[in-house]
Amino acid sequence: MTDFTSNHTVARHKPPKTEFMIYFAIIFLATLPLATLTWALAAIRSGSFTDKGPIKRAWGQASIITPMIFSA
């Protein structure tokens, strides 16, 4: 019986390219105002500022949208 576990290739993580980082920055800056608005409205409704802040919300949206652009 052949042992395939010893011949396993390891995928290497490439550093982000400049083009990806530029698109990420543009999308981050574009989503920041709306993220701030939704964060403020959620904070007013709940009376608490413990939810994710606007920077984290915008970062999350940019990290979802940017790879979608590069996967096509």
PDB file of N, CA and C in Angstrom:
ATOM      1  N   MET A   1       0.844  -1.168   0.000  1.00  0.00           N
ATOM      2  CA  MET A   1       0.000   0.000   0.000  1.00  0.00           C
ATOM      3  C   MET A   1       0.898   1.244   0.000  1.00  0.00           C
ATOM      4  N   THR A   2       0.543   2.217  -0.803  1.00  0.00           N
ATOM      5  CA  THR A   2       1.354   3.427  -0.947  1.00  0.00           C
ATOM      6  C   THR A   2       0.976   4.454   0.105  1.00  0.00           C
ATOM      7  N   ASP A   3       1.997   5.117   0.658  1.00  0.00           N
ATOM      8  CA  ASP A   3       1.772   6.151   1.664  1.00  0.00           C
ATOM      9  C   ASP A   3       1.817   7.517   0.976  1.00  0.00           C
ATOM     10  N   PHE A   4       0.638   8.131   0.810  1.00  0.00           N
ATOM     11  CA  PHE A   4       0.555   9.430   0.157  1.00  0.00           C
ATOM     12  C   PHE A   4       0.745  10.602   1.125  1.00  0.00           C
ATOM     13  N   THR A   5       0.767  10.344   2.408  1.00  0.00           N
ATOM     14  CA  THR A   5       0.862  11.433   3.372  1.00  0.00           C
ATOM     15  C   THR A   5       2.242  12.086   3.400  1.00  0.00           C
ATOM     16  N   SER A   6       3.281  11.350   3.003  1.00  0.00           N
ATOM     17  CA  SER A   6       4.623  11.915   3.062  1.00  0.00           C
ATOM     18  C   SER A   6       4.944  12.780   1.846  1.00  0.00           C
ATOM     19  N   ASN A   7       4.147  12.706   0.802  1.00  0.00           N
ATOM     20  CA  ASN A   7       4.396  13.455  -0.415  1.00  0.00           C
ATOM     21  C   ASN A   7       3.386  14.596  -0.557  1.00  0.00           C
ATOM     22  N   HIS A   8       3.072  15.234   0.533  1.00  0.00           N
ATOM     23  CA  HIS A   8       2.067  16.291   0.554  1.00  0.00           C
ATOM     24  C   HIS A   8       2.720  17.636   0.266  1.00  0.00           C
ATOM     25  N   THR A   9       2.192  18.365  -0.713  1.00  0.00           N
ATOM     26  CA  THR A   9       2.728  19.686  -1.015  1.00  0.00           C
ATOM     27  C   THR A   9       2.050  20.720  -0.128  1.00  0.00           C
ATOM     28  N   VAL A  10       2.829  21.680   0.311  1.00  0.00           N
ATOM     29  CA  VAL A  10       2.312  22.725   1.184  1.00  0.00           C
ATOM     30  C   VAL A  10       2.102  23.981   0.351  1.00  0.00           C
ATOM     31  N   ALA A  11       0.894  24.524   0.409  1.00  0.00           N
ATOM     32  CA  ALA A  11       0.604  25.747  -0.325  1.00  0.00           C
ATOM     33  C   ALA A  11       1.261  26.926   0.379  1.00  0.00           C
ATOM     34  N   ARG A  12       1.916  27.742  -0.391  1.00  0.00           N
ATOM     35  CA  ARG A  12       2.584  28.908   0.180  1.00  0.00           C
ATOM     36  C   ARG A  12       1.676  30.122   0.076  1.00  0.00           C
ATOM     37  N   HIS A  13       1.733  30.955   1.088  1.00  0.00           N
ATOM     38  CA  HIS A  13       0.929  32.172   1.104  1.00  0.00           C
ATOM     39  C   HIS A  13       1.712  33.284   0.440  1.00  0.00           C
ATOM     40  N   LYS A  14       1.125  33.867  -0.620  1.00  0.00           N
ATOM     41  CA  LYS A  14       1.790  34.953  -1.325  1.00  0.00           C
ATOM     42  C   LYS A  14       1.489  36.276  -0.617  1.00  0.00           C
ATOM     43  N   PRO A  15       2.438  37.170  -0.587  1.00  0.00           N
ATOM     44  CA  PRO A  15       2.146  38.486  -0.026  1.00  0.00           C
ATOM     45  C   PRO A  15       1.174  39.231  -0.936  1.00  0.00           C
ATOM     46  N   PRO A  16       0.334  40.103  -0.363  1.00  0.00           N
ATOM     47  CA  PRO A  16      -0.639  40.815  -1.190  1.00  0.00           C
ATOM     48  C   PRO A  16       0.053  41.704  -2.230  1.00  0.00           C
ATOM     49  N   LYS A  17      -0.522  41.733  -3.389  1.00  0.00           N
ATOM     50  CA  LYS A  17       0.056  42.539  -4.456  1.00  0.00           C
ATOM     51  C   LYS A  17      -0.359  43.991  -4.285  1.00  0.00           C
ATOM     52  N   THR A  18       0.371  44.871  -4.907  1.00  0.00           N
ATOM     53  CA  THR A  18       0.109  46.299  -4.811  1.00  0.00           C
ATOM     54  C   THR A  18      -1.272  46.641  -5.347  1.00  0.00           C
ATOM     55  N   GLU A  19      -1.645  46.044  -6.467  1.00  0.00           N
ATOM     56  CA  GLU A  19      -2.955  46.324  -7.055  1.00  0.00           C
ATOM     57  C   GLU A  19      -4.080  45.936  -6.106  1.00  0.00           C
ATOM     58  N   PHE A  20      -3.937  44.786  -5.448  1.00  0.00           N
ATOM     59  CA  PHE A  20      -4.941  44.334  -4.482  1.00  0.00           C
ATOM     60  C   PHE A  20      -5.055  45.334  -3.332  1.00  0.00           C
ATOM     61  N   MET A  21      -3.925  45.810  -2.827  1.00  0.00           N
ATOM     62  CA  MET A  21      -3.943  46.754  -1.707  1.00  0.00           C
ATOM     63  C   MET A  21      -4.550  48.098  -2.107  1.00  0.00           C
ATOM     64  N   ILE A  22      -4.327  48.526  -3.339  1.00  0.00           N
ATOM     65  CA  ILE A  22      -4.926  49.781  -3.808  1.00  0.00           C
ATOM     66  C   ILE A  22      -6.434  49.646  -3.884  1.00  0.00           C
ATOM     67  N   TYR A  23      -6.914  48.552  -4.473  1.00  0.00           N
ATOM     68  CA  TYR A  23      -8.356  48.321  -4.530  1.00  0.00           C
ATOM     69  C   TYR A  23      -8.947  48.202  -3.126  1.00  0.00           C
ATOM     70  N   PHE A  24      -8.243  47.512  -2.242  1.00  0.00           N
ATOM     71  CA  PHE A  24      -8.714  47.355  -0.866  1.00  0.00           C
ATOM     72  C   PHE A  24      -8.865  48.716  -0.197  1.00  0.00           C
ATOM     73  N   ALA A  25      -7.879  49.589  -0.372  1.00  0.00           N
ATOM     74  CA  ALA A  25      -7.926  50.927   0.239  1.00  0.00           C
ATOM     75  C   ALA A  25      -9.083  51.748  -0.313  1.00  0.00           C
ATOM     76  N   ILE A  26      -9.301  51.681  -1.611  1.00  0.00           N
ATOM     77  CA  ILE A  26     -10.404  52.429  -2.222  1.00  0.00           C
ATOM     78  C   ILE A  26     -11.747  51.934  -1.697  1.00  0.00           C
ATOM     79  N   ILE A  27     -11.917  50.617  -1.645  1.00  0.00           N
ATOM     80  CA  ILE A  27     -13.174  50.051  -1.168  1.00  0.00           C
ATOM     81  C   ILE A  27     -13.363  50.337   0.317  1.00  0.00           C
ATOM     82  N   PHE A  28     -12.287  50.259   1.084  1.00  0.00           N
ATOM     83  CA  PHE A  28     -12.361  50.566   2.510  1.00  0.00           C
ATOM     84  C   PHE A  28     -12.834  51.999   2.727  1.00  0.00           C
ATOM     85  N   LEU A  29     -12.239  52.941   2.006  1.00  0.00           N
ATOM     86  CA  LEU A  29     -12.626  54.343   2.148  1.00  0.00           C
ATOM     87  C   LEU A  29     -14.047  54.591   1.661  1.00  0.00           C
ATOM     88  N   ALA A  30     -14.489  53.833   0.663  1.00  0.00           N
ATOM     89  CA  ALA A  30     -15.853  53.988   0.156  1.00  0.00           C
ATOM     90  C   ALA A  30     -16.888  53.437   1.135  1.00  0.00           C
ATOM     91  N   THR A  31     -16.550  52.375   1.842  1.00  0.00           N
ATOM     92  CA  THR A  31     -17.516  51.769   2.767  1.00  0.00           C
ATOM     93  C   THR A  31     -17.494  52.405   4.153  1.00  0.00           C
ATOM     94  N   LEU A  32     -16.490  53.203   4.440  1.00  0.00           N
ATOM     95  CA  LEU A  32     -16.356  53.800   5.770  1.00  0.00           C
ATOM     96  C   LEU A  32     -17.526  54.714   6.165  1.00  0.00           C
ATOM     97  N   PRO A  33     -18.010  55.609   5.297  1.00  0.00           N
ATOM     98  CA  PRO A  33     -19.136  56.462   5.713  1.00  0.00           C
ATOM     99  C   PRO A  33     -20.402  55.668   6.040  1.00  0.00           C
ATOM    100  N   LEU A  34     -20.737  54.701   5.207  1.00  0.00           N
ATOM    101  CA  LEU A  34     -21.930  53.897   5.467  1.00  0.00           C
ATOM    102  C   LEU A  34     -21.751  53.033   6.712  1.00  0.00           C
ATOM    103  N   ALA A  35     -20.559  52.516   6.911  1.00  0.00           N
ATOM    104  CA  ALA A  35     -20.287  51.726   8.117  1.00  0.00           C
ATOM    105  C   ALA A  35     -20.416  52.583   9.369  1.00  0.00           C
ATOM    106  N   THR A  36     -19.977  53.830   9.286  1.00  0.00           N
ATOM    107  CA  THR A  36     -20.100  54.747  10.420  1.00  0.00           C
ATOM    108  C   THR A  36     -21.564  55.043  10.708  1.00  0.00           C
ATOM    109  N   LEU A  37     -22.337  55.263   9.659  1.00  0.00           N
ATOM    110  CA  LEU A  37     -23.768  55.533   9.830  1.00  0.00           C
ATOM    111  C   LEU A  37     -24.493  54.337  10.446  1.00  0.00           C
ATOM    112  N   THR A  38     -24.257  53.141   9.932  1.00  0.00           N
ATOM    113  CA  THR A  38     -24.942  51.970  10.481  1.00  0.00           C
ATOM    114  C   THR A  38     -24.498  51.678  11.910  1.00  0.00           C
ATOM    115  N   TRP A  39     -23.228  51.920  12.213  1.00  0.00           N
ATOM    116  CA  TRP A  39     -22.734  51.730  13.576  1.00  0.00           C
ATOM    117  C   TRP A  39     -23.405  52.711  14.529  1.00  0.00           C
ATOM    118  N   ALA A  40     -23.516  53.978  14.089  1.00  0.00           N
ATOM    119  CA  ALA A  40     -24.141  54.995  14.941  1.00  0.00           C
ATOM    120  C   ALA A  40     -25.610  54.680  15.172  1.00  0.00           C
ATOM    121  N   LEU A  41     -26.316  54.269  14.134  1.00  0.00           N
ATOM    122  CA  LEU A  41     -27.734  53.926  14.297  1.00  0.00           C
ATOM    123  C   LEU A  41     -27.915  52.721  15.211  1.00  0.00           C
ATOM    124  N   ALA A  42     -27.061  51.731  15.074  1.00  0.00           N
ATOM    125  CA  ALA A  42     -27.136  50.550  15.943  1.00  0.00           C
ATOM    126  C   ALA A  42     -26.809  50.924  17.386  1.00  0.00           C
ATOM    127  N   ALA A  43     -25.860  51.831  17.567  1.00  0.00           N
ATOM    128  CA  ALA A  43     -25.492  52.261  18.917  1.00  0.00           C
ATOM    129  C   ALA A  43     -26.622  53.060  19.560  1.00  0.00           C
ATOM    130  N   ILE A  44     -27.307  53.888  18.784  1.00  0.00           N
ATOM    131  CA  ILE A  44     -28.430  54.664  19.313  1.00  0.00           C
ATOM    132  C   ILE A  44     -29.579  53.742  19.699  1.00  0.00           C
ATOM    133  N   ARG A  45     -29.864  52.764  18.838  1.00  0.00           N
ATOM    134  CA  ARG A  45     -30.965  51.828  19.125  1.00  0.00           C
ATOM    135  C   ARG A  45     -30.699  50.979  20.358  1.00  0.00           C
ATOM    136  N   SER A  46     -29.477  50.463  20.455  1.00  0.00           N
ATOM    137  CA  SER A  46     -29.180  49.560  21.567  1.00  0.00           C
ATOM    138  C   SER A  46     -28.712  50.318  22.810  1.00  0.00           C
ATOM    139  N   GLY A  47     -28.272  51.541  22.640  1.00  0.00           N
ATOM    140  CA  GLY A  47     -27.768  52.314  23.765  1.00  0.00           C
ATOM    141  C   GLY A  47     -26.407  51.853  24.238  1.00  0.00           C
ATOM    142  N   SER A  48     -25.706  51.112  23.388  1.00  0.00           N
ATOM    143  CA  SER A  48     -24.406  50.564  23.770  1.00  0.00           C
ATOM    144  C   SER A  48     -23.427  50.720  22.615  1.00  0.00           C
ATOM    145  N   PHE A  49     -22.187  50.999  22.930  1.00  0.00           N
ATOM    146  CA  PHE A  49     -21.147  51.122  21.914  1.00  0.00           C
ATOM    147  C   PHE A  49     -20.246  49.888  21.893  1.00  0.00           C
ATOM    148  N   THR A  50     -20.743  48.748  22.366  1.00  0.00           N
ATOM    149  CA  THR A  50     -19.910  47.551  22.448  1.00  0.00           C
ATOM    150  C   THR A  50     -19.869  46.757  21.146  1.00  0.00           C
ATOM    151  N   ASP A  51     -20.707  47.090  20.173  1.00  0.00           N
ATOM    152  CA  ASP A  51     -20.669  46.391  18.891  1.00  0.00           C
ATOM    153  C   ASP A  51     -19.378  46.730  18.149  1.00  0.00           C
ATOM    154  N   LYS A  52     -19.183  46.064  17.002  1.00  0.00           N
ATOM    155  CA  LYS A  52     -18.016  46.366  16.185  1.00  0.00           C
ATOM    156  C   LYS A  52     -18.045  47.839  15.801  1.00  0.00           C
ATOM    157  N   GLY A  53     -16.914  48.483  15.839  1.00  0.00           N
ATOM    158  CA  GLY A  53     -16.822  49.887  15.475  1.00  0.00           C
ATOM    159  C   GLY A  53     -16.886  50.076  13.968  1.00  0.00           C
ATOM    160  N   PRO A  54     -16.961  51.322  13.527  1.00  0.00           N
ATOM    161  CA  PRO A  54     -17.090  51.580  12.092  1.00  0.00           C
ATOM    162  C   PRO A  54     -15.857  51.162  11.290  1.00  0.00           C
ATOM    163  N   ILE A  55     -14.687  51.258  11.885  1.00  0.00           N
ATOM    164  CA  ILE A  55     -13.464  50.856  11.166  1.00  0.00           C
ATOM    165  C   ILE A  55     -13.479  49.346  10.930  1.00  0.00           C
ATOM    166  N   LYS A  56     -13.848  48.594  11.948  1.00  0.00           N
ATOM    167  CA  LYS A  56     -13.882  47.142  11.823  1.00  0.00           C
ATOM    168  C   LYS A  56     -14.966  46.701  10.836  1.00  0.00           C
ATOM    169  N   ARG A  57     -16.090  47.395  10.834  1.00  0.00           N
ATOM    170  CA  ARG A  57     -17.159  47.076   9.880  1.00  0.00           C
ATOM    171  C   ARG A  57     -16.697  47.339   8.444  1.00  0.00           C
ATOM    172  N   ALA A  58     -16.081  48.504   8.216  1.00  0.00           N
ATOM    173  CA  ALA A  58     -15.614  48.847   6.870  1.00  0.00           C
ATOM    174  C   ALA A  58     -14.502  47.901   6.423  1.00  0.00           C
ATOM    175  N   TRP A  59     -13.615  47.547   7.347  1.00  0.00           N
ATOM    176  CA  TRP A  59     -12.534  46.603   7.034  1.00  0.00           C
ATOM    177  C   TRP A  59     -13.113  45.247   6.629  1.00  0.00           C
ATOM    178  N   GLY A  60     -14.125  44.812   7.356  1.00  0.00           N
ATOM    179  CA  GLY A  60     -14.768  43.537   7.034  1.00  0.00           C
ATOM    180  C   GLY A  60     -15.421  43.550   5.665  1.00  0.00           C
ATOM    181  N   GLN A  61     -16.100  44.638   5.343  1.00  0.00           N
ATOM    182  CA  GLN A  61     -16.728  44.737   4.026  1.00  0.00           C
ATOM    183  C   GLN A  61     -15.680  44.767   2.915  1.00  0.00           C
ATOM    184  N   ALA A  62     -14.610  45.512   3.121  1.00  0.00           N
ATOM    185  CA  ALA A  62     -13.553  45.580   2.109  1.00  0.00           C
ATOM    186  C   ALA A  62     -12.867  44.231   1.938  1.00  0.00           C
ATOM    187  N   SER A  63     -12.723  43.492   3.037  1.00  0.00           N
ATOM    188  CA  SER A  63     -12.079  42.175   2.935  1.00  0.00           C
ATOM    189  C   SER A  63     -12.984  41.138   2.286  1.00  0.00           C
ATOM    190  N   ILE A  64     -14.276  41.422   2.187  1.00  0.00           N
ATOM    191  CA  ILE A  64     -15.195  40.535   1.477  1.00  0.00           C
ATOM    192  C   ILE A  64     -15.274  40.916   0.001  1.00  0.00           C
ATOM    193  N   ILE A  65     -15.362  42.215  -0.285  1.00  0.00           N
ATOM    194  CA  ILE A  65     -15.586  42.693  -1.648  1.00  0.00           C
ATOM    195  C   ILE A  65     -14.340  42.580  -2.519  1.00  0.00           C
ATOM    196  N   THR A  66     -13.175  42.954  -1.999  1.00  0.00           N
ATOM    197  CA  THR A  66     -11.952  42.987  -2.805  1.00  0.00           C
ATOM    198  C   THR A  66     -11.576  41.619  -3.382  1.00  0.00           C
ATOM    199  N   PRO A  67     -11.592  40.530  -2.612  1.00  0.00           N
ATOM    200  CA  PRO A  67     -11.279  39.232  -3.235  1.00  0.00           C
ATOM    201  C   PRO A  67     -12.290  38.820  -4.300  1.00  0.00           C
ATOM    202  N   MET A  68     -13.533  39.281  -4.176  1.00  0.00           N
ATOM    203  CA  MET A  68     -14.529  38.981  -5.210  1.00  0.00           C
ATOM    204  C   MET A  68     -14.132  39.598  -6.547  1.00  0.00           C
ATOM    205  N   ILE A  69     -13.540  40.772  -6.510  1.00  0.00           N
ATOM    206  CA  ILE A  69     -13.102  41.442  -7.725  1.00  0.00           C
ATOM    207  C   ILE A  69     -11.958  40.661  -8.374  1.00  0.00           C
ATOM    208  N   PHE A  70     -11.036  40.173  -7.563  1.00  0.00           N
ATOM    209  CA  PHE A  70      -9.865  39.487  -8.107  1.00  0.00           C
ATOM    210  C   PHE A  70     -10.117  38.021  -8.434  1.00  0.00           C
ATOM    211  N   SER A  71     -11.221  37.458  -7.988  1.00  0.00           N
ATOM    212  CA  SER A  71     -11.488  36.052  -8.285  1.00  0.00           C
ATOM    213  C   SER A  71     -12.117  35.867  -9.648  1.00  0.00           C
ATOM    214  N   ALA A  72     -12.633  36.922 -10.220  1.00  0.00           N
ATOM    215  CA  ALA A  72     -13.288  36.814 -11.532  1.00  0.00           C
ATOM    216  C   ALA A  72     -12.300  36.792 -12.657  1.00  0.00           C
TER     217      ALA A  72
END
